Amino acid sequence: MIPTVYKRGDSDVRPWGSWVVLDMTPQLVVKKLVVHPGARISLQRHKYRSERWIVMQGEASVQKGDEFLRLCAGDGVLIAQDTKHRLLNTGKEELFVLEIQFGDLLSEDDIERLEDDYGRKEVG
């Protein structure tokens, strides 16, 4: 297991919203994602980790592979390693999602962007 490069309290502002690391162990990272109304993260996949998303507040559309899901508060989805995925806030308020990452590499270095609304090509 490669140690995570995250630290509790790490955060970042992205064009679609923000994230903050709530907790972590060597095997997992727990983040809170905030996605602005109408915004979406890049279509991406991870080679070394899987993610579980749990909607805490708001309404989301999730692309998981070729499947599209609608999630509301309390709903969750597992995104398996190497599965293309995207999260979109379809509501009129901020979307809060608990993201639990687990796998062999838990860092921003494990993002392969396939499509991006904000012109980002690089990892992170």
N, C-alpha and C. Protein backbone atom coordinates (compact mmCIF):
# COMPACT_ATOMS: atom_id res chain seq x y z
N MET A 1 0.85 -1.19 0.00
CA MET A 1 0.00 0.00 0.00
C MET A 1 0.88 1.24 0.00
N ILE A 2 0.69 2.11 -0.97
CA ILE A 2 1.43 3.37 -1.04
C ILE A 2 0.75 4.35 -0.09
N PRO A 3 1.49 4.98 0.81
CA PRO A 3 0.85 5.92 1.75
C PRO A 3 0.19 7.09 1.01
N THR A 4 -0.89 7.57 1.57
CA THR A 4 -1.58 8.71 0.98
C THR A 4 -0.75 9.98 1.09
N VAL A 5 -0.91 10.88 0.16
CA VAL A 5 -0.23 12.16 0.24
C VAL A 5 -1.16 13.23 0.82
N TYR A 6 -2.39 12.86 1.15
CA TYR A 6 -3.33 13.79 1.76
C TYR A 6 -3.02 13.94 3.24
N LYS A 7 -3.45 15.07 3.79
CA LYS A 7 -3.45 15.29 5.24
C LYS A 7 -4.85 15.76 5.62
N ARG A 8 -5.27 15.42 6.83
CA ARG A 8 -6.56 15.88 7.32
C ARG A 8 -6.60 17.41 7.23
N GLY A 9 -7.68 17.94 6.69
CA GLY A 9 -7.83 19.39 6.54
C GLY A 9 -7.38 19.93 5.20
N ASP A 10 -6.67 19.11 4.40
CA ASP A 10 -6.31 19.56 3.05
C ASP A 10 -7.59 19.95 2.31
N SER A 11 -7.48 20.97 1.47
CA SER A 11 -8.65 21.40 0.71
C SER A 11 -8.19 22.05 -0.58
N ASP A 12 -9.14 22.22 -1.50
CA ASP A 12 -8.84 22.88 -2.76
C ASP A 12 -10.13 23.46 -3.32
N VAL A 13 -10.00 24.59 -3.99
CA VAL A 13 -11.12 25.20 -4.70
C VAL A 13 -10.95 24.85 -6.17
N ARG A 14 -12.01 24.34 -6.77
CA ARG A 14 -12.02 23.95 -8.17
C ARG A 14 -13.04 24.80 -8.91
N PRO A 15 -13.01 24.81 -10.24
CA PRO A 15 -14.00 25.61 -10.98
C PRO A 15 -15.45 25.17 -10.69
N TRP A 16 -15.65 23.92 -10.34
CA TRP A 16 -16.99 23.38 -10.08
C TRP A 16 -17.42 23.50 -8.63
N GLY A 17 -16.49 23.83 -7.71
CA GLY A 17 -16.81 23.89 -6.28
C GLY A 17 -15.55 23.75 -5.45
N SER A 18 -15.58 22.79 -4.50
CA SER A 18 -14.41 22.61 -3.63
C SER A 18 -14.46 21.23 -2.97
N TRP A 19 -13.34 20.89 -2.33
CA TRP A 19 -13.28 19.67 -1.53
C TRP A 19 -12.40 19.90 -0.31
N VAL A 20 -12.65 19.11 0.74
CA VAL A 20 -11.84 19.14 1.95
C VAL A 20 -11.71 17.72 2.48
N VAL A 21 -10.53 17.36 2.97
CA VAL A 21 -10.29 16.04 3.56
C VAL A 21 -10.79 16.07 5.01
N LEU A 22 -11.78 15.23 5.31
CA LEU A 22 -12.35 15.16 6.65
C LEU A 22 -11.60 14.19 7.54
N ASP A 23 -11.16 13.07 6.96
CA ASP A 23 -10.48 12.04 7.75
C ASP A 23 -9.70 11.15 6.80
N MET A 24 -8.80 10.36 7.36
CA MET A 24 -8.00 9.47 6.53
C MET A 24 -7.33 8.41 7.38
N THR A 25 -7.03 7.30 6.73
CA THR A 25 -6.20 6.23 7.27
C THR A 25 -5.27 5.85 6.13
N PRO A 26 -4.31 4.94 6.34
CA PRO A 26 -3.49 4.51 5.21
C PRO A 26 -4.29 3.82 4.10
N GLN A 27 -5.50 3.32 4.42
CA GLN A 27 -6.30 2.59 3.44
C GLN A 27 -7.42 3.40 2.80
N LEU A 28 -7.78 4.56 3.38
CA LEU A 28 -8.88 5.33 2.81
C LEU A 28 -8.76 6.81 3.13
N VAL A 29 -9.44 7.59 2.30
CA VAL A 29 -9.55 9.04 2.49
C VAL A 29 -11.03 9.40 2.42
N VAL A 30 -11.48 10.24 3.35
CA VAL A 30 -12.86 10.72 3.36
C VAL A 30 -12.84 12.21 3.05
N LYS A 31 -13.51 12.59 1.96
CA LYS A 31 -13.60 14.00 1.54
C LYS A 31 -15.04 14.46 1.55
N LYS A 32 -15.23 15.76 1.75
CA LYS A 32 -16.52 16.40 1.52
C LYS A 32 -16.37 17.22 0.24
N LEU A 33 -17.21 16.92 -0.76
CA LEU A 33 -17.23 17.67 -2.00
C LEU A 33 -18.40 18.65 -1.96
N VAL A 34 -18.18 19.86 -2.44
CA VAL A 34 -19.24 20.84 -2.61
C VAL A 34 -19.26 21.20 -4.10
N VAL A 35 -20.40 20.94 -4.76
CA VAL A 35 -20.53 21.21 -6.19
C VAL A 35 -21.60 22.28 -6.38
N HIS A 36 -21.24 23.36 -7.08
CA HIS A 36 -22.15 24.48 -7.31
C HIS A 36 -23.32 24.05 -8.20
N PRO A 37 -24.48 24.71 -8.07
CA PRO A 37 -25.63 24.40 -8.93
C PRO A 37 -25.25 24.49 -10.41
N GLY A 38 -25.61 23.46 -11.17
CA GLY A 38 -25.33 23.42 -12.60
C GLY A 38 -23.91 23.03 -12.97
N ALA A 39 -23.03 22.89 -12.00
CA ALA A 39 -21.63 22.56 -12.27
C ALA A 39 -21.42 21.05 -12.21
N ARG A 40 -20.32 20.61 -12.86
CA ARG A 40 -19.99 19.19 -12.82
C ARG A 40 -18.47 19.02 -12.82
N ILE A 41 -18.05 17.92 -12.24
CA ILE A 41 -16.63 17.58 -12.24
C ILE A 41 -16.28 17.01 -13.61
N SER A 42 -15.00 16.87 -13.87
CA SER A 42 -14.57 16.29 -15.15
C SER A 42 -15.00 14.83 -15.25
N LEU A 43 -15.19 14.37 -16.48
CA LEU A 43 -15.38 12.94 -16.72
C LEU A 43 -13.99 12.34 -16.53
N GLN A 44 -13.88 11.41 -15.61
CA GLN A 44 -12.56 10.93 -15.20
C GLN A 44 -12.61 9.46 -14.82
N ARG A 45 -11.42 8.92 -14.61
CA ARG A 45 -11.31 7.58 -14.03
C ARG A 45 -10.02 7.53 -13.23
N HIS A 46 -9.95 6.51 -12.37
CA HIS A 46 -8.80 6.33 -11.49
C HIS A 46 -8.25 4.92 -11.69
N LYS A 47 -6.97 4.83 -11.90
CA LYS A 47 -6.32 3.54 -12.13
C LYS A 47 -6.13 2.74 -10.84
N TYR A 48 -5.92 3.46 -9.72
CA TYR A 48 -5.51 2.78 -8.49
C TYR A 48 -6.52 2.83 -7.36
N ARG A 49 -7.64 3.50 -7.53
CA ARG A 49 -8.59 3.62 -6.43
C ARG A 49 -10.03 3.49 -6.91
N SER A 50 -10.89 3.13 -5.97
CA SER A 50 -12.34 3.16 -6.13
C SER A 50 -12.87 4.27 -5.23
N GLU A 51 -14.12 4.68 -5.48
CA GLU A 51 -14.73 5.72 -4.67
C GLU A 51 -16.18 5.35 -4.38
N ARG A 52 -16.63 5.72 -3.19
CA ARG A 52 -18.05 5.63 -2.86
C ARG A 52 -18.51 7.06 -2.61
N TRP A 53 -19.57 7.46 -3.32
CA TRP A 53 -20.17 8.78 -3.14
C TRP A 53 -21.48 8.63 -2.41
N ILE A 54 -21.68 9.45 -1.39
CA ILE A 54 -22.94 9.50 -0.65
C ILE A 54 -23.42 10.95 -0.67
N VAL A 55 -24.61 11.18 -1.20
CA VAL A 55 -25.17 12.53 -1.26
C VAL A 55 -25.67 12.90 0.14
N MET A 56 -25.14 14.01 0.65
CA MET A 56 -25.56 14.51 1.97
C MET A 56 -26.66 15.56 1.83
N GLN A 57 -26.59 16.38 0.78
CA GLN A 57 -27.60 17.41 0.53
C GLN A 57 -27.61 17.73 -0.96
N GLY A 58 -28.81 17.89 -1.50
CA GLY A 58 -28.93 18.29 -2.89
C GLY A 58 -29.35 17.16 -3.81
N GLU A 59 -29.27 17.44 -5.11
CA GLU A 59 -29.65 16.49 -6.14
C GLU A 59 -28.49 16.34 -7.11
N ALA A 60 -28.19 15.10 -7.49
CA ALA A 60 -27.04 14.84 -8.35
C ALA A 60 -27.42 13.91 -9.50
N SER A 61 -26.74 14.12 -10.60
CA SER A 61 -26.75 13.17 -11.70
C SER A 61 -25.35 12.58 -11.75
N VAL A 62 -25.27 11.27 -11.79
CA VAL A 62 -23.97 10.59 -11.79
C VAL A 62 -23.85 9.76 -13.05
N GLN A 63 -22.74 9.94 -13.75
CA GLN A 63 -22.40 9.04 -14.85
C GLN A 63 -21.43 8.02 -14.28
N LYS A 64 -21.77 6.76 -14.41
CA LYS A 64 -20.95 5.64 -13.95
C LYS A 64 -20.82 4.69 -15.13
N GLY A 65 -19.67 4.72 -15.80
CA GLY A 65 -19.53 3.97 -17.04
C GLY A 65 -20.50 4.54 -18.06
N ASP A 66 -21.36 3.71 -18.63
CA ASP A 66 -22.36 4.17 -19.59
C ASP A 66 -23.74 4.32 -18.94
N GLU A 67 -23.80 4.18 -17.62
CA GLU A 67 -25.05 4.28 -16.86
C GLU A 67 -25.18 5.69 -16.27
N PHE A 68 -26.42 6.21 -16.23
CA PHE A 68 -26.69 7.51 -15.64
C PHE A 68 -27.68 7.32 -14.49
N LEU A 69 -27.34 7.87 -13.32
CA LEU A 69 -28.14 7.70 -12.12
C LEU A 69 -28.55 9.05 -11.56
N ARG A 70 -29.71 9.12 -10.92
CA ARG A 70 -30.13 10.32 -10.20
C ARG A 70 -30.07 10.00 -8.72
N LEU A 71 -29.35 10.83 -7.96
CA LEU A 71 -29.20 10.61 -6.54
C LEU A 71 -29.69 11.82 -5.76
N CYS A 72 -30.32 11.56 -4.62
CA CYS A 72 -30.78 12.59 -3.70
C CYS A 72 -30.17 12.31 -2.33
N ALA A 73 -30.43 13.18 -1.37
CA ALA A 73 -29.86 13.03 -0.03
C ALA A 73 -30.09 11.62 0.51
N GLY A 74 -29.02 11.00 0.98
CA GLY A 74 -29.08 9.65 1.52
C GLY A 74 -28.72 8.57 0.53
N ASP A 75 -28.76 8.88 -0.77
CA ASP A 75 -28.41 7.91 -1.81
C ASP A 75 -26.90 7.83 -1.97
N GLY A 76 -26.43 6.69 -2.44
CA GLY A 76 -25.00 6.52 -2.68
C GLY A 76 -24.74 5.63 -3.87
N VAL A 77 -23.48 5.66 -4.31
CA VAL A 77 -23.07 4.86 -5.46
C VAL A 77 -21.60 4.48 -5.28
N LEU A 78 -21.25 3.29 -5.72
CA LEU A 78 -19.86 2.83 -5.71
C LEU A 78 -19.31 2.98 -7.12
N ILE A 79 -18.19 3.67 -7.24
CA ILE A 79 -17.49 3.83 -8.51
C ILE A 79 -16.25 2.93 -8.45
N ALA A 80 -16.27 1.84 -9.18
CA ALA A 80 -15.16 0.89 -9.15
C ALA A 80 -13.93 1.46 -9.85
N GLN A 81 -12.80 1.02 -9.41
CA GLN A 81 -11.52 1.38 -10.01
C GLN A 81 -11.59 1.23 -11.53
N ASP A 82 -11.04 2.20 -12.26
CA ASP A 82 -10.94 2.21 -13.71
C ASP A 82 -12.29 2.38 -14.43
N THR A 83 -13.31 2.88 -13.71
CA THR A 83 -14.62 3.15 -14.30
C THR A 83 -14.73 4.65 -14.57
N LYS A 84 -15.08 5.04 -15.78
CA LYS A 84 -15.26 6.47 -16.05
C LYS A 84 -16.47 6.96 -15.27
N HIS A 85 -16.36 8.18 -14.73
CA HIS A 85 -17.44 8.71 -13.90
C HIS A 85 -17.43 10.23 -13.88
N ARG A 86 -18.60 10.78 -13.55
CA ARG A 86 -18.77 12.23 -13.47
C ARG A 86 -19.93 12.52 -12.53
N LEU A 87 -19.84 13.64 -11.83
CA LEU A 87 -20.85 14.08 -10.87
C LEU A 87 -21.34 15.46 -11.30
N LEU A 88 -22.67 15.65 -11.39
CA LEU A 88 -23.28 16.91 -11.81
C LEU A 88 -24.32 17.33 -10.77
N ASN A 89 -24.28 18.60 -10.38
CA ASN A 89 -25.30 19.15 -9.49
C ASN A 89 -26.48 19.59 -10.34
N THR A 90 -27.60 18.88 -10.24
CA THR A 90 -28.80 19.19 -11.02
C THR A 90 -29.78 20.07 -10.24
N GLY A 91 -29.44 20.39 -8.99
CA GLY A 91 -30.35 21.17 -8.16
C GLY A 91 -30.06 22.67 -8.21
N LYS A 92 -30.80 23.40 -7.37
CA LYS A 92 -30.67 24.86 -7.30
C LYS A 92 -29.88 25.30 -6.07
N GLU A 93 -29.41 24.33 -5.27
CA GLU A 93 -28.60 24.64 -4.09
C GLU A 93 -27.29 23.87 -4.19
N GLU A 94 -26.36 24.21 -3.32
CA GLU A 94 -25.08 23.52 -3.30
C GLU A 94 -25.32 22.02 -3.09
N LEU A 95 -24.54 21.20 -3.76
CA LEU A 95 -24.58 19.75 -3.60
C LEU A 95 -23.43 19.35 -2.67
N PHE A 96 -23.74 18.65 -1.60
CA PHE A 96 -22.73 18.16 -0.67
C PHE A 96 -22.65 16.64 -0.80
N VAL A 97 -21.46 16.15 -1.10
CA VAL A 97 -21.24 14.71 -1.29
C VAL A 97 -20.09 14.26 -0.42
N LEU A 98 -20.29 13.16 0.29
CA LEU A 98 -19.23 12.50 1.03
C LEU A 98 -18.56 11.54 0.06
N GLU A 99 -17.26 11.69 -0.14
CA GLU A 99 -16.50 10.82 -1.04
C GLU A 99 -15.53 10.00 -0.21
N ILE A 100 -15.63 8.68 -0.33
CA ILE A 100 -14.72 7.78 0.38
C ILE A 100 -13.86 7.10 -0.67
N GLN A 101 -12.57 7.37 -0.64
CA GLN A 101 -11.62 6.79 -1.59
C GLN A 101 -10.91 5.63 -0.92
N PHE A 102 -10.74 4.53 -1.65
CA PHE A 102 -9.96 3.41 -1.15
C PHE A 102 -9.25 2.72 -2.30
N GLY A 103 -8.01 2.32 -2.06
CA GLY A 103 -7.22 1.68 -3.11
C GLY A 103 -5.74 1.79 -2.83
N ASP A 104 -4.94 1.55 -3.87
CA ASP A 104 -3.49 1.50 -3.71
C ASP A 104 -2.79 2.84 -3.83
N LEU A 105 -3.45 3.84 -4.41
CA LEU A 105 -2.86 5.18 -4.51
C LEU A 105 -3.96 6.18 -4.22
N LEU A 106 -3.83 6.88 -3.10
CA LEU A 106 -4.85 7.83 -2.68
C LEU A 106 -4.25 9.23 -2.76
N SER A 107 -4.31 9.80 -3.95
CA SER A 107 -3.78 11.15 -4.17
C SER A 107 -4.42 11.75 -5.40
N GLU A 108 -4.23 13.04 -5.57
CA GLU A 108 -4.73 13.73 -6.76
C GLU A 108 -3.97 13.29 -8.01
N ASP A 109 -2.87 12.57 -7.85
CA ASP A 109 -2.09 12.08 -8.99
C ASP A 109 -2.80 10.95 -9.73
N ASP A 110 -3.86 10.40 -9.15
CA ASP A 110 -4.57 9.29 -9.78
C ASP A 110 -5.88 9.76 -10.42
N ILE A 111 -5.80 10.85 -11.17
CA ILE A 111 -6.96 11.35 -11.93
C ILE A 111 -6.59 11.38 -13.40
N GLU A 112 -7.33 10.65 -14.20
CA GLU A 112 -7.20 10.73 -15.65
C GLU A 112 -8.44 11.43 -16.17
N ARG A 113 -8.30 12.67 -16.62
CA ARG A 113 -9.44 13.43 -17.13
C ARG A 113 -9.71 13.02 -18.58
N LEU A 114 -10.94 12.61 -18.86
CA LEU A 114 -11.36 12.21 -20.19
C LEU A 114 -12.05 13.36 -20.91
N GLU A 115 -12.82 14.17 -20.17
CA GLU A 115 -13.49 15.37 -20.67
C GLU A 115 -13.53 16.37 -19.52
N ASP A 116 -13.43 17.67 -19.85
CA ASP A 116 -13.45 18.67 -18.80
C ASP A 116 -14.06 19.97 -19.33
N ASP A 117 -15.04 20.50 -18.62
CA ASP A 117 -15.72 21.73 -19.01
C ASP A 117 -14.83 22.96 -18.85
N TYR A 118 -13.73 22.83 -18.12
CA TYR A 118 -12.91 23.98 -17.73
C TYR A 118 -11.55 23.98 -18.40
N GLY A 119 -11.36 23.11 -19.41
CA GLY A 119 -10.12 23.10 -20.18
C GLY A 119 -8.93 22.50 -19.46
N ARG A 120 -9.16 21.80 -18.36
CA ARG A 120 -8.04 21.18 -17.62
C ARG A 120 -7.69 19.85 -18.28
N LYS A 121 -6.44 19.63 -18.50
CA LYS A 121 -5.98 18.37 -19.09
C LYS A 121 -5.15 17.57 -18.10
N GLU A 122 -4.48 18.24 -17.22
CA GLU A 122 -3.53 17.59 -16.31
C GLU A 122 -4.23 17.02 -15.09
N VAL A 123 -3.52 16.20 -14.36
CA VAL A 123 -3.97 15.61 -13.12
C VAL A 123 -4.10 16.70 -12.08
N GLY A 124 -5.06 16.51 -11.14
CA GLY A 124 -5.18 17.41 -9.99
C GLY A 124 -6.17 18.50 -10.11
